[in-house]
Amino acid sequence: QVQLVESGGGLVQPGGSLRLSCAASGSIFRIKAMGWYRQDPGNQRELLAAITSGGSTNYADSVEGRFTISRDNAKNTVYLQMGSLKPEDTAVYYCSVEAIVVGEGLRRYWGQGTQVTVSS
């Protein structure tokens, strides 16, 4: 099993910044892709950013140039640096990892979600 613990959400004013963290732990053999999603009421979960084990990244058009995803492989942690935040960025943010787990093979795991609210 893999546990993902997210942190860093909260309330921020428009134009502000936040940094989300997501640390993975458990019987992990190797983590492949890591990513950040968000979901607000009435909408589907949206992929925002992803990063491969080699460091290649891709972003949704809605956050390109404002958000940066990074990872620390030694700590099994993925980060999302968010800048120039807008009210429409308000949502619950989830991290997700594709991990090879001892005895279970390759599976996708999700964090518990952290609320980000952008409001003045």
N, C-alpha and C. Protein backbone atom coordinates (compact mmCIF):
# COMPACT_ATOMS: atom_id res chain seq x y z
N GLN A 1 0.83 -1.20 0.00
CA GLN A 1 0.00 0.00 0.00
C GLN A 1 0.86 1.25 0.00
N VAL A 2 0.28 2.31 -0.54
CA VAL A 2 0.95 3.61 -0.59
C VAL A 2 0.04 4.64 0.05
N GLN A 3 0.62 5.47 0.87
CA GLN A 3 -0.12 6.58 1.46
C GLN A 3 0.43 7.89 0.91
N LEU A 4 -0.47 8.78 0.55
CA LEU A 4 -0.10 10.10 0.06
C LEU A 4 -0.64 11.15 1.03
N VAL A 5 0.24 12.00 1.51
CA VAL A 5 -0.16 13.05 2.44
C VAL A 5 0.12 14.39 1.80
N GLU A 6 -0.96 15.15 1.62
CA GLU A 6 -0.86 16.46 0.99
C GLU A 6 -0.82 17.55 2.05
N SER A 7 -0.20 18.66 1.70
CA SER A 7 -0.18 19.82 2.58
C SER A 7 0.01 21.08 1.75
N GLY A 8 -0.30 22.22 2.35
CA GLY A 8 -0.02 23.50 1.71
C GLY A 8 -1.22 24.26 1.20
N GLY A 9 -2.41 23.67 1.25
CA GLY A 9 -3.58 24.39 0.79
C GLY A 9 -3.98 25.48 1.76
N GLY A 10 -4.97 26.28 1.35
CA GLY A 10 -5.44 27.34 2.23
C GLY A 10 -6.11 28.45 1.45
N LEU A 11 -6.24 29.58 2.13
CA LEU A 11 -6.89 30.77 1.56
C LEU A 11 -5.81 31.75 1.11
N VAL A 12 -5.95 32.25 -0.11
CA VAL A 12 -4.97 33.20 -0.65
C VAL A 12 -5.72 34.24 -1.47
N GLN A 13 -5.19 35.43 -1.51
CA GLN A 13 -5.81 36.50 -2.29
C GLN A 13 -5.49 36.34 -3.77
N PRO A 14 -6.33 36.87 -4.63
CA PRO A 14 -6.03 36.84 -6.07
C PRO A 14 -4.67 37.46 -6.35
N GLY A 15 -3.93 36.80 -7.22
CA GLY A 15 -2.58 37.24 -7.53
C GLY A 15 -1.52 36.64 -6.64
N GLY A 16 -1.93 35.96 -5.59
CA GLY A 16 -1.00 35.38 -4.64
C GLY A 16 -0.45 34.04 -5.08
N SER A 17 0.33 33.43 -4.17
CA SER A 17 0.99 32.16 -4.47
C SER A 17 0.77 31.17 -3.34
N LEU A 18 0.83 29.90 -3.69
CA LEU A 18 0.79 28.81 -2.73
C LEU A 18 1.67 27.69 -3.26
N ARG A 19 2.19 26.90 -2.32
CA ARG A 19 2.96 25.72 -2.71
C ARG A 19 2.35 24.50 -2.05
N LEU A 20 1.94 23.55 -2.87
CA LEU A 20 1.41 22.29 -2.38
C LEU A 20 2.50 21.23 -2.38
N SER A 21 2.43 20.36 -1.37
CA SER A 21 3.35 19.24 -1.28
C SER A 21 2.56 17.95 -1.13
N CYS A 22 3.13 16.87 -1.61
CA CYS A 22 2.50 15.55 -1.49
C CYS A 22 3.60 14.52 -1.30
N ALA A 23 3.62 13.91 -0.13
CA ALA A 23 4.65 12.94 0.20
C ALA A 23 4.07 11.53 0.17
N ALA A 24 4.75 10.65 -0.53
CA ALA A 24 4.32 9.26 -0.63
C ALA A 24 5.14 8.38 0.30
N SER A 25 4.47 7.42 0.92
CA SER A 25 5.17 6.48 1.79
C SER A 25 4.50 5.11 1.67
N GLY A 26 5.22 4.07 2.11
CA GLY A 26 4.69 2.72 2.05
C GLY A 26 5.69 1.80 1.39
N SER A 27 5.20 0.67 0.93
CA SER A 27 6.05 -0.37 0.34
C SER A 27 6.31 -0.07 -1.14
N ILE A 28 6.98 1.03 -1.36
CA ILE A 28 7.19 1.53 -2.72
C ILE A 28 8.49 0.98 -3.28
N PHE A 29 8.38 0.34 -4.44
CA PHE A 29 9.59 -0.07 -5.14
C PHE A 29 10.10 1.07 -6.02
N ARG A 30 9.18 1.66 -6.76
CA ARG A 30 9.54 2.80 -7.60
C ARG A 30 8.31 3.63 -7.93
N ILE A 31 8.47 4.95 -7.97
CA ILE A 31 7.41 5.84 -8.39
C ILE A 31 7.69 6.28 -9.82
N LYS A 32 6.69 6.15 -10.66
CA LYS A 32 6.86 6.59 -12.04
C LYS A 32 6.28 8.00 -12.17
N ALA A 33 5.16 8.17 -12.80
CA ALA A 33 4.61 9.51 -12.99
C ALA A 33 3.96 10.02 -11.70
N MET A 34 4.02 11.33 -11.52
CA MET A 34 3.35 12.01 -10.41
C MET A 34 2.58 13.18 -10.99
N GLY A 35 1.46 13.51 -10.39
CA GLY A 35 0.66 14.58 -10.97
C GLY A 35 -0.23 15.26 -9.96
N TRP A 36 -0.76 16.38 -10.39
CA TRP A 36 -1.71 17.16 -9.59
C TRP A 36 -3.00 17.35 -10.40
N TYR A 37 -4.12 17.17 -9.73
CA TYR A 37 -5.45 17.35 -10.29
C TYR A 37 -6.22 18.32 -9.39
N ARG A 38 -7.34 18.80 -9.90
CA ARG A 38 -8.24 19.56 -9.05
C ARG A 38 -9.67 19.28 -9.47
N GLN A 39 -10.55 19.55 -8.52
CA GLN A 39 -11.97 19.31 -8.77
C GLN A 39 -12.78 20.32 -7.97
N ASP A 40 -13.71 20.98 -8.62
CA ASP A 40 -14.64 21.83 -7.90
C ASP A 40 -16.05 21.27 -8.09
N PRO A 41 -16.98 21.68 -7.24
CA PRO A 41 -18.33 21.10 -7.29
C PRO A 41 -18.96 21.21 -8.67
N GLY A 42 -19.48 20.12 -9.15
CA GLY A 42 -20.17 20.11 -10.42
C GLY A 42 -19.29 19.84 -11.62
N ASN A 43 -18.00 19.73 -11.38
CA ASN A 43 -17.08 19.49 -12.50
C ASN A 43 -16.28 18.21 -12.29
N GLN A 44 -15.76 17.69 -13.39
CA GLN A 44 -14.93 16.50 -13.31
C GLN A 44 -13.54 16.87 -12.79
N ARG A 45 -12.85 15.87 -12.28
CA ARG A 45 -11.48 16.07 -11.85
C ARG A 45 -10.62 16.39 -13.07
N GLU A 46 -9.82 17.44 -12.94
CA GLU A 46 -9.04 17.96 -14.07
C GLU A 46 -7.55 17.76 -13.81
N LEU A 47 -6.84 17.21 -14.77
CA LEU A 47 -5.39 17.09 -14.67
C LEU A 47 -4.76 18.46 -14.91
N LEU A 48 -3.95 18.90 -13.95
CA LEU A 48 -3.28 20.20 -14.07
C LEU A 48 -1.85 20.09 -14.56
N ALA A 49 -1.12 19.15 -13.96
CA ALA A 49 0.30 19.04 -14.26
C ALA A 49 0.77 17.63 -13.94
N ALA A 50 1.74 17.17 -14.71
CA ALA A 50 2.30 15.84 -14.48
C ALA A 50 3.80 15.90 -14.71
N ILE A 51 4.51 15.00 -14.03
CA ILE A 51 5.96 14.93 -14.16
C ILE A 51 6.37 13.46 -14.16
N THR A 52 7.23 13.11 -15.10
CA THR A 52 7.70 11.73 -15.18
C THR A 52 8.87 11.50 -14.23
N SER A 53 9.29 10.26 -14.11
CA SER A 53 10.44 9.95 -13.25
C SER A 53 11.71 10.61 -13.78
N GLY A 54 11.75 10.91 -15.07
CA GLY A 54 12.91 11.57 -15.65
C GLY A 54 12.85 13.08 -15.60
N GLY A 55 11.72 13.61 -15.13
CA GLY A 55 11.61 15.06 -14.97
C GLY A 55 10.87 15.78 -16.08
N SER A 56 10.38 15.06 -17.06
CA SER A 56 9.59 15.71 -18.11
C SER A 56 8.24 16.13 -17.55
N THR A 57 7.79 17.32 -17.95
CA THR A 57 6.56 17.87 -17.41
C THR A 57 5.57 18.22 -18.51
N ASN A 58 4.31 18.24 -18.15
CA ASN A 58 3.30 18.79 -19.04
C ASN A 58 2.21 19.43 -18.18
N TYR A 59 1.56 20.44 -18.76
CA TYR A 59 0.60 21.26 -18.03
C TYR A 59 -0.69 21.44 -18.82
N ALA A 60 -1.77 21.61 -18.08
CA ALA A 60 -3.03 22.01 -18.70
C ALA A 60 -2.90 23.46 -19.16
N ASP A 61 -3.62 23.81 -20.21
CA ASP A 61 -3.56 25.18 -20.73
C ASP A 61 -3.96 26.19 -19.66
N SER A 62 -4.87 25.79 -18.77
CA SER A 62 -5.41 26.71 -17.77
C SER A 62 -4.37 27.15 -16.74
N VAL A 63 -3.27 26.39 -16.61
CA VAL A 63 -2.27 26.72 -15.59
C VAL A 63 -0.87 26.91 -16.17
N GLU A 64 -0.72 26.66 -17.46
CA GLU A 64 0.59 26.82 -18.11
C GLU A 64 1.13 28.22 -17.86
N GLY A 65 2.37 28.29 -17.41
CA GLY A 65 3.00 29.58 -17.15
C GLY A 65 2.75 30.13 -15.76
N ARG A 66 1.78 29.58 -15.04
CA ARG A 66 1.48 30.06 -13.68
C ARG A 66 1.85 29.02 -12.62
N PHE A 67 1.73 27.76 -12.96
CA PHE A 67 2.01 26.66 -12.01
C PHE A 67 3.26 25.92 -12.46
N THR A 68 4.01 25.42 -11.48
CA THR A 68 5.20 24.62 -11.77
C THR A 68 5.18 23.36 -10.93
N ILE A 69 5.31 22.22 -11.58
CA ILE A 69 5.38 20.95 -10.87
C ILE A 69 6.84 20.52 -10.77
N SER A 70 7.20 19.94 -9.64
CA SER A 70 8.54 19.43 -9.45
C SER A 70 8.47 18.23 -8.50
N ARG A 71 9.56 17.49 -8.42
CA ARG A 71 9.57 16.32 -7.56
C ARG A 71 10.94 16.12 -6.95
N ASP A 72 10.95 15.52 -5.78
CA ASP A 72 12.18 15.13 -5.10
C ASP A 72 12.13 13.62 -4.97
N ASN A 73 12.85 12.93 -5.82
CA ASN A 73 12.77 11.47 -5.84
C ASN A 73 13.30 10.85 -4.55
N ALA A 74 14.27 11.49 -3.93
CA ALA A 74 14.82 10.96 -2.68
C ALA A 74 13.79 10.98 -1.55
N LYS A 75 12.86 11.92 -1.65
CA LYS A 75 11.83 12.05 -0.60
C LYS A 75 10.47 11.53 -1.06
N ASN A 76 10.38 11.00 -2.29
CA ASN A 76 9.10 10.53 -2.84
C ASN A 76 8.03 11.61 -2.71
N THR A 77 8.41 12.83 -3.04
CA THR A 77 7.53 13.98 -2.85
C THR A 77 7.38 14.75 -4.15
N VAL A 78 6.15 15.20 -4.39
CA VAL A 78 5.87 16.04 -5.55
C VAL A 78 5.33 17.37 -5.04
N TYR A 79 5.68 18.42 -5.75
CA TYR A 79 5.28 19.78 -5.37
C TYR A 79 4.52 20.45 -6.50
N LEU A 80 3.68 21.40 -6.13
CA LEU A 80 3.03 22.25 -7.12
C LEU A 80 3.15 23.68 -6.64
N GLN A 81 4.00 24.45 -7.29
CA GLN A 81 4.12 25.87 -7.00
C GLN A 81 3.11 26.61 -7.85
N MET A 82 2.20 27.31 -7.18
CA MET A 82 1.13 27.99 -7.87
C MET A 82 1.30 29.50 -7.71
N GLY A 83 1.25 30.22 -8.82
CA GLY A 83 1.38 31.66 -8.78
C GLY A 83 0.29 32.34 -9.59
N SER A 84 0.21 33.66 -9.43
CA SER A 84 -0.82 34.45 -10.15
C SER A 84 -2.19 33.79 -10.01
N LEU A 85 -2.52 33.42 -8.79
CA LEU A 85 -3.76 32.68 -8.56
C LEU A 85 -4.99 33.53 -8.83
N LYS A 86 -6.00 32.86 -9.35
CA LYS A 86 -7.26 33.50 -9.73
C LYS A 86 -8.40 32.86 -8.94
N PRO A 87 -9.51 33.57 -8.79
CA PRO A 87 -10.65 32.95 -8.09
C PRO A 87 -11.09 31.64 -8.72
N GLU A 88 -10.96 31.53 -10.02
CA GLU A 88 -11.36 30.28 -10.69
C GLU A 88 -10.42 29.11 -10.42
N ASP A 89 -9.31 29.37 -9.74
CA ASP A 89 -8.43 28.28 -9.30
C ASP A 89 -8.94 27.62 -8.02
N THR A 90 -9.97 28.19 -7.42
CA THR A 90 -10.54 27.62 -6.21
C THR A 90 -11.07 26.22 -6.48
N ALA A 91 -10.60 25.25 -5.70
CA ALA A 91 -11.00 23.85 -5.89
C ALA A 91 -10.31 23.01 -4.81
N VAL A 92 -10.66 21.73 -4.79
CA VAL A 92 -9.90 20.76 -4.01
C VAL A 92 -8.82 20.19 -4.92
N TYR A 93 -7.60 20.22 -4.44
CA TYR A 93 -6.45 19.77 -5.22
C TYR A 93 -6.01 18.40 -4.73
N TYR A 94 -5.77 17.50 -5.68
CA TYR A 94 -5.38 16.12 -5.37
C TYR A 94 -4.05 15.79 -6.03
N CYS A 95 -3.19 15.10 -5.32
CA CYS A 95 -2.01 14.54 -5.96
C CYS A 95 -2.29 13.09 -6.32
N SER A 96 -1.55 12.61 -7.29
CA SER A 96 -1.69 11.23 -7.74
C SER A 96 -0.33 10.72 -8.17
N VAL A 97 -0.05 9.47 -7.85
CA VAL A 97 1.20 8.86 -8.28
C VAL A 97 0.93 7.50 -8.88
N GLU A 98 1.76 7.15 -9.84
CA GLU A 98 1.79 5.79 -10.37
C GLU A 98 3.01 5.12 -9.75
N ALA A 99 2.77 4.12 -8.95
CA ALA A 99 3.86 3.50 -8.20
C ALA A 99 3.87 2.00 -8.37
N ILE A 100 5.08 1.46 -8.41
CA ILE A 100 5.26 0.02 -8.38
C ILE A 100 5.42 -0.36 -6.91
N VAL A 101 4.49 -1.14 -6.43
CA VAL A 101 4.45 -1.51 -5.02
C VAL A 101 4.84 -2.96 -4.87
N VAL A 102 5.62 -3.23 -3.87
CA VAL A 102 6.06 -4.60 -3.61
C VAL A 102 4.85 -5.51 -3.45
N GLY A 103 4.77 -6.54 -4.29
CA GLY A 103 3.69 -7.51 -4.19
C GLY A 103 2.42 -7.11 -4.92
N GLU A 104 2.34 -5.88 -5.46
CA GLU A 104 1.09 -5.43 -6.09
C GLU A 104 1.28 -4.92 -7.51
N GLY A 105 2.52 -4.68 -7.93
CA GLY A 105 2.74 -4.18 -9.27
C GLY A 105 2.45 -2.70 -9.39
N LEU A 106 2.16 -2.26 -10.63
CA LEU A 106 1.96 -0.84 -10.90
C LEU A 106 0.51 -0.46 -10.64
N ARG A 107 0.31 0.55 -9.80
CA ARG A 107 -1.02 1.04 -9.50
C ARG A 107 -1.00 2.55 -9.36
N ARG A 108 -2.18 3.15 -9.45
CA ARG A 108 -2.32 4.60 -9.23
C ARG A 108 -2.90 4.82 -7.84
N TYR A 109 -2.34 5.81 -7.17
CA TYR A 109 -2.79 6.17 -5.82
C TYR A 109 -3.14 7.65 -5.78
N TRP A 110 -4.08 7.99 -4.87
CA TRP A 110 -4.56 9.37 -4.75
C TRP A 110 -4.37 9.89 -3.33
N GLY A 111 -4.08 11.19 -3.25
CA GLY A 111 -4.07 11.84 -1.96
C GLY A 111 -5.49 12.15 -1.51
N GLN A 112 -5.59 12.68 -0.28
CA GLN A 112 -6.89 12.92 0.32
C GLN A 112 -7.52 14.23 -0.16
N GLY A 113 -6.73 15.07 -0.79
CA GLY A 113 -7.22 16.35 -1.28
C GLY A 113 -6.95 17.47 -0.29
N THR A 114 -6.66 18.64 -0.82
CA THR A 114 -6.45 19.82 0.01
C THR A 114 -7.16 21.00 -0.65
N GLN A 115 -7.88 21.77 0.16
CA GLN A 115 -8.68 22.87 -0.37
C GLN A 115 -7.80 24.08 -0.64
N VAL A 116 -7.97 24.64 -1.82
CA VAL A 116 -7.35 25.92 -2.17
C VAL A 116 -8.48 26.90 -2.49
N THR A 117 -8.49 28.01 -1.79
CA THR A 117 -9.51 29.03 -2.00
C THR A 117 -8.82 30.35 -2.34
N VAL A 118 -9.19 30.91 -3.48
CA VAL A 118 -8.62 32.19 -3.91
C VAL A 118 -9.72 33.23 -3.83
N SER A 119 -9.56 34.14 -2.88
CA SER A 119 -10.62 35.11 -2.64
C SER A 119 -10.04 36.32 -1.92
N SER A 120 -10.63 37.49 -2.20
CA SER A 120 -10.22 38.69 -1.48
C SER A 120 -11.14 38.92 -0.28
